[in-house]
C-alpha atoms as a PDB file:
ATOM      1  CA  MET A   1      15.304   0.736  -3.084  1.00  0.00           C
ATOM      2  CA  ALA A   2      15.090  -0.745  -6.552  1.00  0.00           C
ATOM      3  CA  GLU A   3      12.141   0.370  -8.665  1.00  0.00           C
ATOM      4  CA  GLU A   4      10.849  -3.186  -9.192  1.00  0.00           C
ATOM      5  CA  THR A   5      10.410  -3.725  -5.436  1.00  0.00           C
ATOM      6  CA  ILE A   6       8.072  -0.735  -5.037  1.00  0.00           C
ATOM      7  CA  ASN A   7       4.371  -1.619  -4.916  1.00  0.00           C
ATOM      8  CA  LYS A   8       2.938   1.853  -5.515  1.00  0.00           C
ATOM      9  CA  ARG A   9       3.880   5.506  -5.623  1.00  0.00           C
ATOM     10  CA  ILE A  10       1.738   7.840  -3.502  1.00  0.00           C
ATOM     11  CA  VAL A  11       2.040  11.584  -2.893  1.00  0.00           C
ATOM     12  CA  VAL A  12       1.256  12.724   0.651  1.00  0.00           C
ATOM     13  CA  GLY A  13       0.596  16.388   1.336  1.00  0.00           C
ATOM     14  CA  VAL A  14       0.558  17.860   4.845  1.00  0.00           C
ATOM     15  CA  SER A  15      -0.839  21.339   5.454  1.00  0.00           C
ATOM     16  CA  GLY A  16      -1.487  23.386   8.578  1.00  0.00           C
ATOM     17  CA  ALA A  17      -4.637  21.842  10.067  1.00  0.00           C
ATOM     18  CA  SER A  18      -4.495  19.846  13.294  1.00  0.00           C
ATOM     19  CA  GLY A  19      -3.803  16.167  12.674  1.00  0.00           C
ATOM     20  CA  ALA A  20      -0.059  15.459  12.607  1.00  0.00           C
ATOM     21  CA  PRO A  21      -0.549  11.995  14.198  1.00  0.00           C
ATOM     22  CA  TYR A  22      -2.732  11.034  11.218  1.00  0.00           C
ATOM     23  CA  ALA A  23      -0.018  12.148   8.803  1.00  0.00           C
ATOM     24  CA  ARG A  24       2.798  10.320  10.568  1.00  0.00           C
ATOM     25  CA  ARG A  25       0.802   7.092  10.901  1.00  0.00           C
ATOM     26  CA  LEU A  26      -0.240   7.286   7.255  1.00  0.00           C
ATOM     27  CA  VAL A  27       3.341   7.677   6.062  1.00  0.00           C
ATOM     28  CA  SER A  28       4.463   4.851   8.356  1.00  0.00           C
ATOM     29  CA  CYS A  29       1.799   2.466   7.039  1.00  0.00           C
ATOM     30  CA  LEU A  30       2.611   3.330   3.436  1.00  0.00           C
ATOM     31  CA  ILE A  31       6.293   2.621   4.012  1.00  0.00           C
ATOM     32  CA  GLU A  32       5.412  -0.668   5.735  1.00  0.00           C
ATOM     33  CA  ALA A  33       3.385  -1.567   2.634  1.00  0.00           C
ATOM     34  CA  ASN A  34       6.488  -0.937   0.501  1.00  0.00           C
ATOM     35  CA  VAL A  35       5.019   2.163  -1.127  1.00  0.00           C
ATOM     36  CA  GLU A  36       7.210   4.923  -2.519  1.00  0.00           C
ATOM     37  CA  VAL A  37       6.038   8.033  -0.673  1.00  0.00           C
ATOM     38  CA  HIS A  38       6.546  11.560  -1.963  1.00  0.00           C
ATOM     39  CA  LEU A  39       6.009  13.996   0.913  1.00  0.00           C
ATOM     40  CA  ALA A  40       5.082  17.656   0.444  1.00  0.00           C
ATOM     41  CA  VAL A  41       4.769  19.672   3.653  1.00  0.00           C
ATOM     42  CA  THR A  42       3.734  23.325   3.791  1.00  0.00           C
ATOM     43  CA  PRO A  43       5.434  25.723   6.249  1.00  0.00           C
ATOM     44  CA  ASN A  44       2.368  25.539   8.500  1.00  0.00           C
ATOM     45  CA  GLY A  45       2.473  21.767   8.119  1.00  0.00           C
ATOM     46  CA  ARG A  46       6.022  21.842   9.469  1.00  0.00           C
ATOM     47  CA  ARG A  47       4.827  23.926  12.408  1.00  0.00           C
ATOM     48  CA  LEU A  48       2.088  21.346  12.911  1.00  0.00           C
ATOM     49  CA  PHE A  49       4.665  18.555  13.212  1.00  0.00           C
ATOM     50  CA  HIS A  50       6.593  20.702  15.689  1.00  0.00           C
ATOM     51  CA  ASP A  51       3.584  21.628  17.815  1.00  0.00           C
ATOM     52  CA  GLU A  52       1.826  18.241  17.851  1.00  0.00           C
ATOM     53  CA  LEU A  53       4.708  15.780  17.553  1.00  0.00           C
ATOM     54  CA  ASP A  54       7.616  17.875  18.865  1.00  0.00           C
ATOM     55  CA  LEU A  55       9.583  17.377  15.647  1.00  0.00           C
ATOM     56  CA  SER A  56      12.073  20.094  14.794  1.00  0.00           C
ATOM     57  CA  GLU A  57      13.124  18.391  11.544  1.00  0.00           C
ATOM     58  CA  ILE A  58      11.011  16.479   9.051  1.00  0.00           C
ATOM     59  CA  ASN A  59      12.759  13.476   7.527  1.00  0.00           C
ATOM     60  CA  SER A  60      12.407   9.710   7.463  1.00  0.00           C
ATOM     61  CA  GLN A  61      14.410   9.299  10.661  1.00  0.00           C
ATOM     62  CA  SER A  62      12.290  11.754  12.655  1.00  0.00           C
ATOM     63  CA  LEU A  63       8.944  10.570  11.236  1.00  0.00           C
ATOM     64  CA  LEU A  64       9.545   6.813  11.196  1.00  0.00           C
ATOM     65  CA  GLY A  65      12.436   6.232  13.565  1.00  0.00           C
ATOM     66  CA  PHE A  66      14.556   4.767  10.764  1.00  0.00           C
ATOM     67  CA  ASP A  67      15.914   5.756   7.367  1.00  0.00           C
ATOM     68  CA  ALA A  68      13.570   4.897   4.503  1.00  0.00           C
ATOM     69  CA  PRO A  69      15.002   5.546   1.035  1.00  0.00           C
ATOM     70  CA  GLN A  70      11.514   5.319  -0.484  1.00  0.00           C
ATOM     71  CA  LEU A  71      10.374   8.402   1.465  1.00  0.00           C
ATOM     72  CA  ILE A  72      11.197  11.389  -0.750  1.00  0.00           C
ATOM     73  CA  MET A  73      10.802  14.954   0.506  1.00  0.00           C
ATOM     74  CA  HIS A  74       9.892  17.806  -1.824  1.00  0.00           C
ATOM     75  CA  ALA A  75      10.649  21.472  -1.140  1.00  0.00           C
ATOM     76  CA  HIS A  76       7.549  23.617  -0.622  1.00  0.00           C
ATOM     77  CA  GLN A  77       8.247  26.190  -3.355  1.00  0.00           C
ATOM     78  CA  ASP A  78       9.783  23.792  -5.875  1.00  0.00           C
ATOM     79  CA  VAL A  79       6.982  23.749  -8.470  1.00  0.00           C
ATOM     80  CA  GLY A  80       9.508  22.218 -10.864  1.00  0.00           C
ATOM     81  CA  SER A  81       9.667  19.105  -8.690  1.00  0.00           C
ATOM     82  CA  SER A  82       8.816  15.727 -10.200  1.00  0.00           C
ATOM     83  CA  ILE A  83       5.422  15.446  -8.468  1.00  0.00           C
ATOM     84  CA  ALA A  84       4.398  18.792 -10.004  1.00  0.00           C
ATOM     85  CA  SER A  85       4.397  17.202 -13.462  1.00  0.00           C
ATOM     86  CA  GLY A  86       1.785  14.898 -14.930  1.00  0.00           C
ATOM     87  CA  SER A  87       4.543  13.016 -16.738  1.00  0.00           C
ATOM     88  CA  MET A  88       5.504  11.400 -13.428  1.00  0.00           C
ATOM     89  CA  HIS A  89       3.140   8.511 -12.848  1.00  0.00           C
ATOM     90  CA  THR A  90       1.693   8.157  -9.350  1.00  0.00           C
ATOM     91  CA  ASP A  91      -1.073   6.019  -7.903  1.00  0.00           C
ATOM     92  CA  GLY A  92      -2.750   8.976  -6.236  1.00  0.00           C
ATOM     93  CA  MET A  93      -2.374  11.640  -3.592  1.00  0.00           C
ATOM     94  CA  ILE A  94      -3.627  12.122  -0.042  1.00  0.00           C
ATOM     95  CA  ILE A  95      -3.640  15.522   1.662  1.00  0.00           C
ATOM     96  CA  CYS A  96      -3.663  14.732   5.365  1.00  0.00           C
ATOM     97  CA  PRO A  97      -4.529  16.955   7.068  1.00  0.00           C
ATOM     98  CA  CYS A  98      -5.924  19.545   4.674  1.00  0.00           C
ATOM     99  CA  SER A  99      -6.427  23.110   5.906  1.00  0.00           C
ATOM    100  CA  SER A 100      -9.128  25.501   4.678  1.00  0.00           C
ATOM    101  CA  HIS A 101      -6.421  27.542   2.955  1.00  0.00           C
ATOM    102  CA  THR A 102      -5.118  24.544   1.007  1.00  0.00           C
ATOM    103  CA  LEU A 103      -8.661  23.386   0.246  1.00  0.00           C
ATOM    104  CA  GLY A 104      -9.544  26.801  -1.172  1.00  0.00           C
ATOM    105  CA  SER A 105      -6.347  27.044  -3.190  1.00  0.00           C
ATOM    106  CA  ILE A 106      -6.874  23.692  -4.889  1.00  0.00           C
ATOM    107  CA  ALA A 107     -10.574  24.359  -5.495  1.00  0.00           C
ATOM    108  CA  SER A 108      -9.612  27.656  -7.152  1.00  0.00           C
ATOM    109  CA  GLY A 109      -7.125  25.989  -9.474  1.00  0.00           C
ATOM    110  CA  LEU A 110      -4.095  27.558  -7.802  1.00  0.00           C
ATOM    111  CA  GLY A 111      -0.798  25.709  -7.929  1.00  0.00           C
ATOM    112  CA  GLY A 112       1.600  28.149  -6.330  1.00  0.00           C
ATOM    113  CA  ASN A 113       3.508  25.554  -4.306  1.00  0.00           C
ATOM    114  CA  VAL A 114       4.471  21.930  -4.771  1.00  0.00           C
ATOM    115  CA  LEU A 115       1.560  20.578  -2.702  1.00  0.00           C
ATOM    116  CA  THR A 116      -1.217  22.445  -4.497  1.00  0.00           C
ATOM    117  CA  ARG A 117       0.460  21.937  -7.873  1.00  0.00           C
ATOM    118  CA  ALA A 118       0.714  18.177  -7.231  1.00  0.00           C
ATOM    119  CA  ALA A 119      -2.980  18.160  -6.319  1.00  0.00           C
ATOM    120  CA  GLN A 120      -3.874  19.949  -9.558  1.00  0.00           C
ATOM    121  CA  VAL A 121      -1.800  17.429 -11.509  1.00  0.00           C
ATOM    122  CA  THR A 122      -3.525  14.545  -9.738  1.00  0.00           C
ATOM    123  CA  LEU A 123      -6.930  15.899 -10.722  1.00  0.00           C
ATOM    124  CA  LYS A 124      -6.077  16.674 -14.334  1.00  0.00           C
ATOM    125  CA  GLU A 125      -4.560  13.228 -14.826  1.00  0.00           C
ATOM    126  CA  ARG A 126      -7.738  11.682 -13.352  1.00  0.00           C
ATOM    127  CA  ARG A 127      -5.892  10.029 -10.484  1.00  0.00           C
ATOM    128  CA  ARG A 128      -7.289   9.504  -6.988  1.00  0.00           C
ATOM    129  CA  LEU A 129      -7.044  12.629  -4.817  1.00  0.00           C
ATOM    130  CA  VAL A 130      -8.131  12.165  -1.187  1.00  0.00           C
ATOM    131  CA  VAL A 131      -8.657  15.329   0.846  1.00  0.00           C
ATOM    132  CA  VAL A 132      -8.693  14.890   4.633  1.00  0.00           C
ATOM    133  CA  LEU A 133     -10.430  17.952   6.023  1.00  0.00           C
ATOM    134  CA  ARG A 134      -9.940  18.838   9.669  1.00  0.00           C
ATOM    135  CA  GLU A 135     -12.032  21.981  10.151  1.00  0.00           C
ATOM    136  CA  MET A 136     -14.981  21.866  12.555  1.00  0.00           C
ATOM    137  CA  PRO A 137     -17.498  23.340  12.088  1.00  0.00           C
ATOM    138  CA  MET A 138     -17.269  23.924   8.348  1.00  0.00           C
ATOM    139  CA  GLY A 139     -18.338  27.291   6.998  1.00  0.00           C
ATOM    140  CA  GLN A 140     -20.133  27.864   3.735  1.00  0.00           C
ATOM    141  CA  LEU A 141     -16.942  28.654   1.827  1.00  0.00           C
ATOM    142  CA  ASP A 142     -15.317  25.408   2.971  1.00  0.00           C
ATOM    143  CA  LEU A 143     -18.433  23.452   2.013  1.00  0.00           C
ATOM    144  CA  GLU A 144     -18.541  25.073  -1.415  1.00  0.00           C
ATOM    145  CA  ASN A 145     -14.835  24.430  -1.978  1.00  0.00           C
ATOM    146  CA  ALA A 146     -15.225  20.804  -0.907  1.00  0.00           C
ATOM    147  CA  LEU A 147     -18.141  20.430  -3.329  1.00  0.00           C
ATOM    148  CA  ARG A 148     -16.109  21.917  -6.178  1.00  0.00           C
ATOM    149  CA  LEU A 149     -13.294  19.454  -5.533  1.00  0.00           C
ATOM    150  CA  SER A 150     -15.710  16.547  -5.268  1.00  0.00           C
ATOM    151  CA  GLN A 151     -17.239  17.528  -8.597  1.00  0.00           C
ATOM    152  CA  ALA A 152     -13.715  17.663 -10.063  1.00  0.00           C
ATOM    153  CA  GLY A 153     -13.103  14.074  -8.982  1.00  0.00           C
ATOM    154  CA  ALA A 154     -11.561  14.329  -5.521  1.00  0.00           C
ATOM    155  CA  VAL A 155     -12.665  12.189  -2.582  1.00  0.00           C
ATOM    156  CA  ILE A 156     -13.555  14.347   0.415  1.00  0.00           C
ATOM    157  CA  CYS A 157     -12.711  12.278   3.502  1.00  0.00           C
ATOM    158  CA  PRO A 158     -12.998  14.253   6.765  1.00  0.00           C
ATOM    159  CA  ALA A 159     -11.017  12.855   9.691  1.00  0.00           C
ATOM    160  CA  SER A 160     -14.138  11.470  11.389  1.00  0.00           C
ATOM    161  CA  PRO A 161     -13.272   8.355  13.386  1.00  0.00           C
ATOM    162  CA  GLY A 162     -15.962   5.800  14.139  1.00  0.00           C
ATOM    163  CA  PHE A 163     -16.283   4.350  17.618  1.00  0.00           C
ATOM    164  CA  TYR A 164     -17.998   1.030  16.842  1.00  0.00           C
ATOM    165  CA  MET A 165     -14.585  -0.633  17.011  1.00  0.00           C
ATOM    166  CA  LEU A 166     -14.458   0.379  20.705  1.00  0.00           C
ATOM    167  CA  PRO A 167     -11.116   2.258  20.597  1.00  0.00           C
ATOM    168  CA  GLU A 168      -9.139   2.235  23.816  1.00  0.00           C
ATOM    169  CA  THR A 169      -6.305   4.585  22.902  1.00  0.00           C
ATOM    170  CA  VAL A 170      -5.676   7.655  20.769  1.00  0.00           C
ATOM    171  CA  GLY A 171      -3.670   5.358  18.528  1.00  0.00           C
ATOM    172  CA  ASP A 172      -6.782   3.253  17.903  1.00  0.00           C
ATOM    173  CA  VAL A 173      -8.690   6.376  16.822  1.00  0.00           C
ATOM    174  CA  VAL A 174      -5.849   7.428  14.522  1.00  0.00           C
ATOM    175  CA  ASP A 175      -5.677   3.942  13.007  1.00  0.00           C
ATOM    176  CA  PHE A 176      -9.390   4.014  12.168  1.00  0.00           C
ATOM    177  CA  VAL A 177      -8.943   7.123  10.014  1.00  0.00           C
ATOM    178  CA  VAL A 178      -5.674   5.962   8.467  1.00  0.00           C
ATOM    179  CA  GLY A 179      -7.179   2.582   7.630  1.00  0.00           C
ATOM    180  CA  LYS A 180      -9.956   4.325   5.718  1.00  0.00           C
ATOM    181  CA  LEU A 181      -7.387   6.387   3.793  1.00  0.00           C
ATOM    182  CA  LEU A 182      -5.391   3.297   2.866  1.00  0.00           C
ATOM    183  CA  ASP A 183      -8.570   1.608   1.639  1.00  0.00           C
ATOM    184  CA  LEU A 184      -9.326   4.594  -0.593  1.00  0.00           C
ATOM    185  CA  ILE A 185      -6.000   4.198  -2.420  1.00  0.00           C
ATOM    186  CA  ASN A 186      -6.105   0.374  -2.387  1.00  0.00           C
ATOM    187  CA  VAL A 187      -3.088  -0.170  -0.146  1.00  0.00           C
ATOM    188  CA  PRO A 188      -3.357  -3.345   1.989  1.00  0.00           C
ATOM    189  CA  HIS A 189      -3.069  -2.959   5.745  1.00  0.00           C
ATOM    190  CA  CYS A 190      -3.652  -4.862   8.980  1.00  0.00           C
ATOM    191  CA  LEU A 191      -5.235  -2.032  10.953  1.00  0.00           C
ATOM    192  CA  HIS A 192      -8.257  -3.013  13.031  1.00  0.00           C
ATOM    193  CA  THR A 193     -10.828  -0.903  11.213  1.00  0.00           C
ATOM    194  CA  ARG A 194     -13.429  -3.158   9.606  1.00  0.00           C
ATOM    195  CA  TRP A 195     -16.940  -3.740  10.889  1.00  0.00           C
ATOM    196  CA  THR A 196     -16.778  -7.364   9.701  1.00  0.00           C
ATOM    197  CA  ASP A 197     -14.016  -7.909  12.273  1.00  0.00           C
ATOM    198  CA  MET A 198     -16.443  -6.863  15.000  1.00  0.00           C
ATOM    199  CA  LEU A 199     -19.146  -9.184  13.651  1.00  0.00           C
ATOM    200  CA  LYS A 200     -16.738 -12.126  13.677  1.00  0.00           C
ATOM    201  CA  LEU A 201     -15.641 -11.233  17.201  1.00  0.00           C
ATOM    202  CA  SER A 202     -19.259 -11.085  18.381  1.00  0.00           C
ATOM    203  CA  GLU A 203     -20.001 -14.497  16.878  1.00  0.00           C
ATOM    204  CA  SER A 204     -16.872 -15.919  18.501  1.00  0.00           C
ATOM    205  CA  GLU A 205     -17.885 -14.567  21.886  1.00  0.00           C
ATOM    206  CA  LYS A 206     -21.373 -16.033  21.513  1.00  0.00           C
ATOM    207  CA  ARG A 207     -19.924 -19.472  20.783  1.00  0.00           C
ATOM    208  CA  LYS A 208     -17.742 -19.251  23.885  1.00  0.00           C
ATOM    209  CA  ASP A 209     -20.734 -18.403  26.047  1.00  0.00           C
ATOM    210  CA  SER A 210     -22.927 -21.200  24.659  1.00  0.00           C
END
């Protein structure tokens, strides 16, 4: 895809915490929004895709069901990859899901693989870093690491779906979280996630009943 047709460039990291459906839906929505997506998946993230989505290979065809040239994969240990350098401009990074191990590594300033290095670059360049924690309950170390990252400029966004939209399927719950993530990086979407939608629906129903 030609550079001028790309709306944004977002890095997506996937580590080994439960939540593969969030990651796949996020990538799908970004591609639908014509975003160039740079995907960094840890070995445990690959196992996550296998265990929760039954994917033996991770590529655009397996994740999306079609080939998407704007989905670029980065090797886990390739710290010389483009996303590991601040000279490559991006519009932010989302780690979804983010494990305690990855959280602690980033909070400690460690960049031993392409995911954690890309996160460090995102922070030092003052770009938006969204960290989607999936641990429950959270221990003191996780809380302290999350605080350190928040103080460094990251947005801590636990995968905590709301139920005021009256979800009927697992997909509805996933969309609620993904819609919030897209809002945080200013990517337009049509997911049914906004409270104002419910208010308008309620008013419409009242008019029908009157």
